[in-house]
């Protein structure tokens, strides 16, 4: 059992690797966005609070996110928890550390998924999905066999995320490096940081992460 943080910029593949860890090790991914949506859908007290905040166009506070994480951790997880998208700042890292101490839990490893920005931009901006079955493709590395037709379901409703464009991605990368990259030094100083090549093949990245966890 291990509790870990996956660190890396948008498009580094954190979500993909988190799903792999859930399947292979019985871990539970705690994605900030997913937790907010789930709380709203369930209509919990926190959910109603979040819904009101978002309806007003305001940012959800760190305290609320920590509350959502705490509620999830109380449910338990056989293989431990994967923090994806939180913490993003040093202040949030401190808050998470205090929560873990309060719950008698430990943060076992922080895994940085390192990428080359130019390669990452090319990877993300070429990405598209089948709107029918969700299969993921890429203009150059994994195009459909028949242009515009999904290999899996035969659907023709291909979609690209609105924010999967070069200008938006570069803005998101700058935001990541400005706010989140200080966490790399923070966790390195605590002896908790390991790094893997986030741009390797999906299976290779999964093996590298597994190797880190097996040594933890």
C-alpha atoms as a PDB file:
ATOM      1  CA  UNK A   1       0.000   0.000   0.000  1.00  0.00           C
ATOM      2  CA  UNK A   2       1.283   3.460  -0.899  1.00  0.00           C
ATOM      3  CA  UNK A   3       0.043   7.031  -1.088  1.00  0.00           C
ATOM      4  CA  UNK A   4       1.620   8.962  -3.943  1.00  0.00           C
ATOM      5  CA  UNK A   5       1.490  12.238  -5.837  1.00  0.00           C
ATOM      6  CA  UNK A   6       1.825  12.299  -9.624  1.00  0.00           C
ATOM      7  CA  UNK A   7       3.459  15.554 -10.715  1.00  0.00           C
ATOM      8  CA  UNK A   8       3.690  16.739 -14.297  1.00  0.00           C
ATOM      9  CA  UNK A   9       2.417  19.372 -16.727  1.00  0.00           C
ATOM     10  CA  UNK A  10      -0.832  19.108 -18.715  1.00  0.00           C
ATOM     11  CA  UNK A  11      -0.638  16.270 -21.230  1.00  0.00           C
ATOM     12  CA  UNK A  12       2.127  14.392 -19.401  1.00  0.00           C
ATOM     13  CA  UNK A  13      -0.123  11.350 -19.001  1.00  0.00           C
ATOM     14  CA  UNK A  14      -0.881  11.486 -15.267  1.00  0.00           C
ATOM     15  CA  UNK A  15      -4.478  10.376 -15.738  1.00  0.00           C
ATOM     16  CA  UNK A  16      -3.487   7.425 -17.913  1.00  0.00           C
ATOM     17  CA  UNK A  17      -0.918   6.196 -15.401  1.00  0.00           C
ATOM     18  CA  UNK A  18      -3.296   6.714 -12.486  1.00  0.00           C
ATOM     19  CA  UNK A  19      -5.812   4.405 -14.186  1.00  0.00           C
ATOM     20  CA  UNK A  20      -3.073   1.802 -14.675  1.00  0.00           C
ATOM     21  CA  UNK A  21      -2.215   1.954 -10.971  1.00  0.00           C
ATOM     22  CA  UNK A  22      -5.878   1.595 -10.005  1.00  0.00           C
ATOM     23  CA  UNK A  23      -6.170  -1.563 -12.100  1.00  0.00           C
ATOM     24  CA  UNK A  24      -2.812  -3.082 -11.151  1.00  0.00           C
ATOM     25  CA  UNK A  25      -2.560  -2.188  -7.458  1.00  0.00           C
ATOM     26  CA  UNK A  26      -6.054  -1.382  -6.209  1.00  0.00           C
ATOM     27  CA  UNK A  27      -5.147   2.254  -5.649  1.00  0.00           C
ATOM     28  CA  UNK A  28      -7.715   5.057  -5.815  1.00  0.00           C
ATOM     29  CA  UNK A  29      -7.143   8.170  -7.918  1.00  0.00           C
ATOM     30  CA  UNK A  30      -8.090  11.414  -6.229  1.00  0.00           C
ATOM     31  CA  UNK A  31      -8.543  13.885  -9.074  1.00  0.00           C
ATOM     32  CA  UNK A  32      -9.632  17.336  -7.914  1.00  0.00           C
ATOM     33  CA  UNK A  33     -11.905  17.878 -10.917  1.00  0.00           C
ATOM     34  CA  UNK A  34     -13.587  14.493 -10.572  1.00  0.00           C
ATOM     35  CA  UNK A  35     -14.126  14.943  -6.830  1.00  0.00           C
ATOM     36  CA  UNK A  36     -15.770  18.341  -7.356  1.00  0.00           C
ATOM     37  CA  UNK A  37     -18.116  16.926 -10.007  1.00  0.00           C
ATOM     38  CA  UNK A  38     -18.969  13.921  -7.829  1.00  0.00           C
ATOM     39  CA  UNK A  39     -19.722  16.081  -4.772  1.00  0.00           C
ATOM     40  CA  UNK A  40     -22.066  18.253  -6.833  1.00  0.00           C
ATOM     41  CA  UNK A  41     -23.793  15.226  -8.365  1.00  0.00           C
ATOM     42  CA  UNK A  42     -24.317  13.609  -4.941  1.00  0.00           C
ATOM     43  CA  UNK A  43     -25.703  16.831  -3.462  1.00  0.00           C
ATOM     44  CA  UNK A  44     -23.583  16.615  -0.309  1.00  0.00           C
ATOM     45  CA  UNK A  45     -23.173  19.671   1.915  1.00  0.00           C
ATOM     46  CA  UNK A  46     -19.757  20.292   0.389  1.00  0.00           C
ATOM     47  CA  UNK A  47     -21.211  19.626  -3.045  1.00  0.00           C
ATOM     48  CA  UNK A  48     -23.896  22.281  -2.637  1.00  0.00           C
ATOM     49  CA  UNK A  49     -21.239  24.686  -1.393  1.00  0.00           C
ATOM     50  CA  UNK A  50     -19.035  23.939  -4.409  1.00  0.00           C
ATOM     51  CA  UNK A  51     -21.975  24.323  -6.805  1.00  0.00           C
ATOM     52  CA  UNK A  52     -22.754  27.767  -5.409  1.00  0.00           C
ATOM     53  CA  UNK A  53     -19.125  28.875  -5.639  1.00  0.00           C
ATOM     54  CA  UNK A  54     -18.786  27.695  -9.234  1.00  0.00           C
ATOM     55  CA  UNK A  55     -22.111  29.244 -10.206  1.00  0.00           C
ATOM     56  CA  UNK A  56     -20.757  32.586  -9.025  1.00  0.00           C
ATOM     57  CA  UNK A  57     -17.624  32.053 -11.113  1.00  0.00           C
ATOM     58  CA  UNK A  58     -15.398  31.921  -8.038  1.00  0.00           C
ATOM     59  CA  UNK A  59     -12.496  29.559  -7.307  1.00  0.00           C
ATOM     60  CA  UNK A  60     -13.008  26.637  -4.950  1.00  0.00           C
ATOM     61  CA  UNK A  61     -10.873  27.177  -1.844  1.00  0.00           C
ATOM     62  CA  UNK A  62      -8.060  24.889  -0.723  1.00  0.00           C
ATOM     63  CA  UNK A  63     -10.030  24.173   2.452  1.00  0.00           C
ATOM     64  CA  UNK A  64     -12.923  22.729   0.446  1.00  0.00           C
ATOM     65  CA  UNK A  65     -10.626  20.567  -1.673  1.00  0.00           C
ATOM     66  CA  UNK A  66      -8.904  19.266   1.465  1.00  0.00           C
ATOM     67  CA  UNK A  67     -12.367  18.492   2.872  1.00  0.00           C
ATOM     68  CA  UNK A  68     -13.211  16.460  -0.238  1.00  0.00           C
ATOM     69  CA  UNK A  69      -9.896  14.597  -0.035  1.00  0.00           C
ATOM     70  CA  UNK A  70     -10.438  13.831   3.654  1.00  0.00           C
ATOM     71  CA  UNK A  71     -13.904  12.443   2.961  1.00  0.00           C
ATOM     72  CA  UNK A  72     -12.512  10.190   0.230  1.00  0.00           C
ATOM     73  CA  UNK A  73      -9.624   8.985   2.374  1.00  0.00           C
ATOM     74  CA  UNK A  74     -12.018   8.011   5.155  1.00  0.00           C
ATOM     75  CA  UNK A  75     -13.589   5.541   2.699  1.00  0.00           C
ATOM     76  CA  UNK A  76     -10.219   3.799   2.519  1.00  0.00           C
ATOM     77  CA  UNK A  77      -8.333   2.248  -0.397  1.00  0.00           C
ATOM     78  CA  UNK A  78      -6.752  -1.201  -0.475  1.00  0.00           C
ATOM     79  CA  UNK A  79      -3.713  -0.047  -2.425  1.00  0.00           C
ATOM     80  CA  UNK A  80      -3.493   3.561  -1.267  1.00  0.00           C
ATOM     81  CA  UNK A  81      -4.267   6.888  -2.919  1.00  0.00           C
ATOM     82  CA  UNK A  82      -2.983   8.705  -5.999  1.00  0.00           C
ATOM     83  CA  UNK A  83      -3.120  12.498  -5.783  1.00  0.00           C
ATOM     84  CA  UNK A  84      -3.577  13.894  -9.285  1.00  0.00           C
ATOM     85  CA  UNK A  85      -3.901  17.667  -9.743  1.00  0.00           C
ATOM     86  CA  UNK A  86      -3.392  18.389  -6.043  1.00  0.00           C
ATOM     87  CA  UNK A  87      -1.297  19.830  -4.576  1.00  0.00           C
ATOM     88  CA  UNK A  88      -0.513  22.544  -7.141  1.00  0.00           C
ATOM     89  CA  UNK A  89       1.193  25.008  -4.791  1.00  0.00           C
ATOM     90  CA  UNK A  90       3.456  24.923  -1.737  1.00  0.00           C
ATOM     91  CA  UNK A  91       0.557  26.111   0.405  1.00  0.00           C
ATOM     92  CA  UNK A  92      -1.541  23.168  -0.772  1.00  0.00           C
ATOM     93  CA  UNK A  93       1.390  20.802  -0.164  1.00  0.00           C
ATOM     94  CA  UNK A  94       1.538  21.989   3.443  1.00  0.00           C
ATOM     95  CA  UNK A  95      -2.226  21.528   3.826  1.00  0.00           C
ATOM     96  CA  UNK A  96      -2.035  18.002   2.406  1.00  0.00           C
ATOM     97  CA  UNK A  97       0.853  17.161   4.737  1.00  0.00           C
ATOM     98  CA  UNK A  98      -1.165  18.328   7.737  1.00  0.00           C
ATOM     99  CA  UNK A  99      -4.162  16.263   6.585  1.00  0.00           C
ATOM    100  CA  UNK A 100      -2.032  13.132   6.227  1.00  0.00           C
ATOM    101  CA  UNK A 101      -0.594  13.626   9.708  1.00  0.00           C
ATOM    102  CA  UNK A 102      -4.064  14.186  11.138  1.00  0.00           C
ATOM    103  CA  UNK A 103      -5.301  10.957   9.556  1.00  0.00           C
ATOM    104  CA  UNK A 104      -2.259   8.944  10.596  1.00  0.00           C
ATOM    105  CA  UNK A 105      -1.295   8.400   6.950  1.00  0.00           C
ATOM    106  CA  UNK A 106       1.996   8.877   5.116  1.00  0.00           C
ATOM    107  CA  UNK A 107       2.960  10.264   1.727  1.00  0.00           C
ATOM    108  CA  UNK A 108       5.210   7.531   0.387  1.00  0.00           C
ATOM    109  CA  UNK A 109       6.420   8.915  -2.952  1.00  0.00           C
ATOM    110  CA  UNK A 110       6.120  11.886  -5.274  1.00  0.00           C
ATOM    111  CA  UNK A 111       6.658  10.884  -8.902  1.00  0.00           C
ATOM    112  CA  UNK A 112       7.556  13.601 -11.377  1.00  0.00           C
ATOM    113  CA  UNK A 113       6.643  12.772 -14.969  1.00  0.00           C
ATOM    114  CA  UNK A 114       9.330  14.682 -16.846  1.00  0.00           C
ATOM    115  CA  UNK A 115       8.630  15.908 -20.378  1.00  0.00           C
ATOM    116  CA  UNK A 116      10.202  17.943 -23.150  1.00  0.00           C
ATOM    117  CA  UNK A 117       7.888  20.899 -23.774  1.00  0.00           C
ATOM    118  CA  UNK A 118       8.253  20.925 -27.572  1.00  0.00           C
ATOM    119  CA  UNK A 119       7.500  17.204 -27.811  1.00  0.00           C
ATOM    120  CA  UNK A 120       4.602  17.561 -25.384  1.00  0.00           C
ATOM    121  CA  UNK A 121       3.037  20.377 -27.434  1.00  0.00           C
ATOM    122  CA  UNK A 122       3.275  18.243 -30.591  1.00  0.00           C
ATOM    123  CA  UNK A 123       1.751  15.262 -28.774  1.00  0.00           C
ATOM    124  CA  UNK A 124      -1.173  17.139 -27.273  1.00  0.00           C
ATOM    125  CA  UNK A 125      -2.090  19.360 -30.216  1.00  0.00           C
ATOM    126  CA  UNK A 126      -2.330  16.325 -32.521  1.00  0.00           C
ATOM    127  CA  UNK A 127      -4.670  14.442 -30.194  1.00  0.00           C
ATOM    128  CA  UNK A 128      -8.301  13.682 -31.058  1.00  0.00           C
ATOM    129  CA  UNK A 129     -10.935  11.210 -29.847  1.00  0.00           C
ATOM    130  CA  UNK A 130     -13.927   9.337 -31.169  1.00  0.00           C
ATOM    131  CA  UNK A 131     -17.006  11.101 -29.863  1.00  0.00           C
ATOM    132  CA  UNK A 132     -18.917   7.804 -29.888  1.00  0.00           C
ATOM    133  CA  UNK A 133     -16.657   5.366 -28.001  1.00  0.00           C
ATOM    134  CA  UNK A 134     -13.896   7.636 -26.629  1.00  0.00           C
ATOM    135  CA  UNK A 135     -10.965   5.927 -28.394  1.00  0.00           C
ATOM    136  CA  UNK A 136      -7.938   8.253 -28.523  1.00  0.00           C
ATOM    137  CA  UNK A 137      -5.970   8.956 -31.719  1.00  0.00           C
ATOM    138  CA  UNK A 138      -3.183  11.249 -32.915  1.00  0.00           C
ATOM    139  CA  UNK A 139      -2.589  12.971 -36.259  1.00  0.00           C
ATOM    140  CA  UNK A 140       0.914  11.534 -36.713  1.00  0.00           C
ATOM    141  CA  UNK A 141       1.564   8.785 -34.160  1.00  0.00           C
ATOM    142  CA  UNK A 142      -1.825   7.040 -34.197  1.00  0.00           C
ATOM    143  CA  UNK A 143      -4.108   8.149 -37.019  1.00  0.00           C
ATOM    144  CA  UNK A 144      -7.285   6.229 -37.848  1.00  0.00           C
ATOM    145  CA  UNK A 145      -6.846   3.586 -40.561  1.00  0.00           C
ATOM    146  CA  UNK A 146      -9.573   5.282 -42.592  1.00  0.00           C
ATOM    147  CA  UNK A 147      -9.486   9.083 -42.260  1.00  0.00           C
ATOM    148  CA  UNK A 148     -12.340  10.286 -40.051  1.00  0.00           C
ATOM    149  CA  UNK A 149     -13.570   6.779 -39.163  1.00  0.00           C
ATOM    150  CA  UNK A 150     -12.946   5.187 -35.750  1.00  0.00           C
ATOM    151  CA  UNK A 151     -11.029   1.901 -35.917  1.00  0.00           C
ATOM    152  CA  UNK A 152     -12.958   0.524 -32.929  1.00  0.00           C
ATOM    153  CA  UNK A 153     -16.623   1.400 -33.448  1.00  0.00           C
ATOM    154  CA  UNK A 154     -16.770   2.848 -36.955  1.00  0.00           C
ATOM    155  CA  UNK A 155     -18.028   6.180 -35.665  1.00  0.00           C
ATOM    156  CA  UNK A 156     -17.322   9.357 -37.622  1.00  0.00           C
ATOM    157  CA  UNK A 157     -17.838  11.887 -34.832  1.00  0.00           C
ATOM    158  CA  UNK A 158     -14.214  12.849 -34.179  1.00  0.00           C
ATOM    159  CA  UNK A 159     -13.561  15.494 -31.525  1.00  0.00           C
ATOM    160  CA  UNK A 160     -10.674  17.658 -30.326  1.00  0.00           C
ATOM    161  CA  UNK A 161     -10.589  19.350 -26.947  1.00  0.00           C
ATOM    162  CA  UNK A 162     -10.942  23.109 -27.276  1.00  0.00           C
ATOM    163  CA  UNK A 163      -7.843  23.619 -25.110  1.00  0.00           C
ATOM    164  CA  UNK A 164      -5.693  21.174 -27.124  1.00  0.00           C
ATOM    165  CA  UNK A 165      -4.139  23.944 -29.194  1.00  0.00           C
ATOM    166  CA  UNK A 166      -0.597  25.301 -29.100  1.00  0.00           C
ATOM    167  CA  UNK A 167      -1.373  28.737 -27.669  1.00  0.00           C
ATOM    168  CA  UNK A 168      -3.585  27.445 -24.861  1.00  0.00           C
ATOM    169  CA  UNK A 169      -1.209  24.615 -23.992  1.00  0.00           C
ATOM    170  CA  UNK A 170       1.781  26.955 -23.755  1.00  0.00           C
ATOM    171  CA  UNK A 171      -0.228  29.175 -21.398  1.00  0.00           C
ATOM    172  CA  UNK A 172      -1.120  26.137 -19.264  1.00  0.00           C
ATOM    173  CA  UNK A 173       2.525  25.015 -19.241  1.00  0.00           C
ATOM    174  CA  UNK A 174       3.655  28.454 -18.065  1.00  0.00           C
ATOM    175  CA  UNK A 175       1.051  28.363 -15.299  1.00  0.00           C
ATOM    176  CA  UNK A 176       2.255  24.900 -14.272  1.00  0.00           C
ATOM    177  CA  UNK A 177       5.921  25.877 -14.116  1.00  0.00           C
ATOM    178  CA  UNK A 178       5.144  29.072 -12.242  1.00  0.00           C
ATOM    179  CA  UNK A 179       2.937  27.547  -9.551  1.00  0.00           C
ATOM    180  CA  UNK A 180       3.624  23.827  -9.407  1.00  0.00           C
ATOM    181  CA  UNK A 181       7.290  23.340 -10.270  1.00  0.00           C
ATOM    182  CA  UNK A 182       8.413  24.651  -6.823  1.00  0.00           C
ATOM    183  CA  UNK A 183       6.897  21.427  -5.466  1.00  0.00           C
ATOM    184  CA  UNK A 184       9.662  19.496  -7.212  1.00  0.00           C
ATOM    185  CA  UNK A 185      12.306  21.186  -5.060  1.00  0.00           C
ATOM    186  CA  UNK A 186      10.093  20.922  -1.980  1.00  0.00           C
ATOM    187  CA  UNK A 187       9.644  17.157  -2.224  1.00  0.00           C
ATOM    188  CA  UNK A 188      13.241  16.597  -3.370  1.00  0.00           C
ATOM    189  CA  UNK A 189      14.448  18.272  -0.175  1.00  0.00           C
ATOM    190  CA  UNK A 190      12.203  15.923   1.813  1.00  0.00           C
ATOM    191  CA  UNK A 191      13.709  12.897   0.043  1.00  0.00           C
ATOM    192  CA  UNK A 192      10.354  11.878  -1.433  1.00  0.00           C
ATOM    193  CA  UNK A 193      10.858  12.708  -5.115  1.00  0.00           C
ATOM    194  CA  UNK A 194      11.486  10.281  -7.983  1.00  0.00           C
ATOM    195  CA  UNK A 195      11.410  11.098 -11.701  1.00  0.00           C
ATOM    196  CA  UNK A 196      10.342   9.086 -14.745  1.00  0.00           C
ATOM    197  CA  UNK A 197      10.323   9.899 -18.458  1.00  0.00           C
ATOM    198  CA  UNK A 198       6.736  10.953 -19.086  1.00  0.00           C
ATOM    199  CA  UNK A 199       7.166  10.873 -22.860  1.00  0.00           C
ATOM    200  CA  UNK A 200       8.152   7.209 -23.090  1.00  0.00           C
ATOM    201  CA  UNK A 201       5.645   4.612 -24.305  1.00  0.00           C
ATOM    202  CA  UNK A 202       2.715   4.167 -21.922  1.00  0.00           C
ATOM    203  CA  UNK A 203       3.834   0.662 -20.898  1.00  0.00           C
ATOM    204  CA  UNK A 204       7.399   1.858 -20.268  1.00  0.00           C
ATOM    205  CA  UNK A 205       6.189   4.706 -18.071  1.00  0.00           C
ATOM    206  CA  UNK A 206       3.995   2.276 -16.131  1.00  0.00           C
ATOM    207  CA  UNK A 207       6.981  -0.032 -15.586  1.00  0.00           C
ATOM    208  CA  UNK A 208       9.155   2.861 -14.399  1.00  0.00           C
ATOM    209  CA  UNK A 209       6.490   3.961 -11.916  1.00  0.00           C
ATOM    210  CA  UNK A 210       6.040   0.379 -10.691  1.00  0.00           C
ATOM    211  CA  UNK A 211       9.795   0.131 -10.125  1.00  0.00           C
ATOM    212  CA  UNK A 212       9.749   3.317  -8.031  1.00  0.00           C
ATOM    213  CA  UNK A 213       6.853   2.055  -5.911  1.00  0.00           C
ATOM    214  CA  UNK A 214       8.385  -1.375  -5.397  1.00  0.00           C
ATOM    215  CA  UNK A 215      11.491   0.282  -3.938  1.00  0.00           C
ATOM    216  CA  UNK A 216       9.530   2.708  -1.723  1.00  0.00           C
END
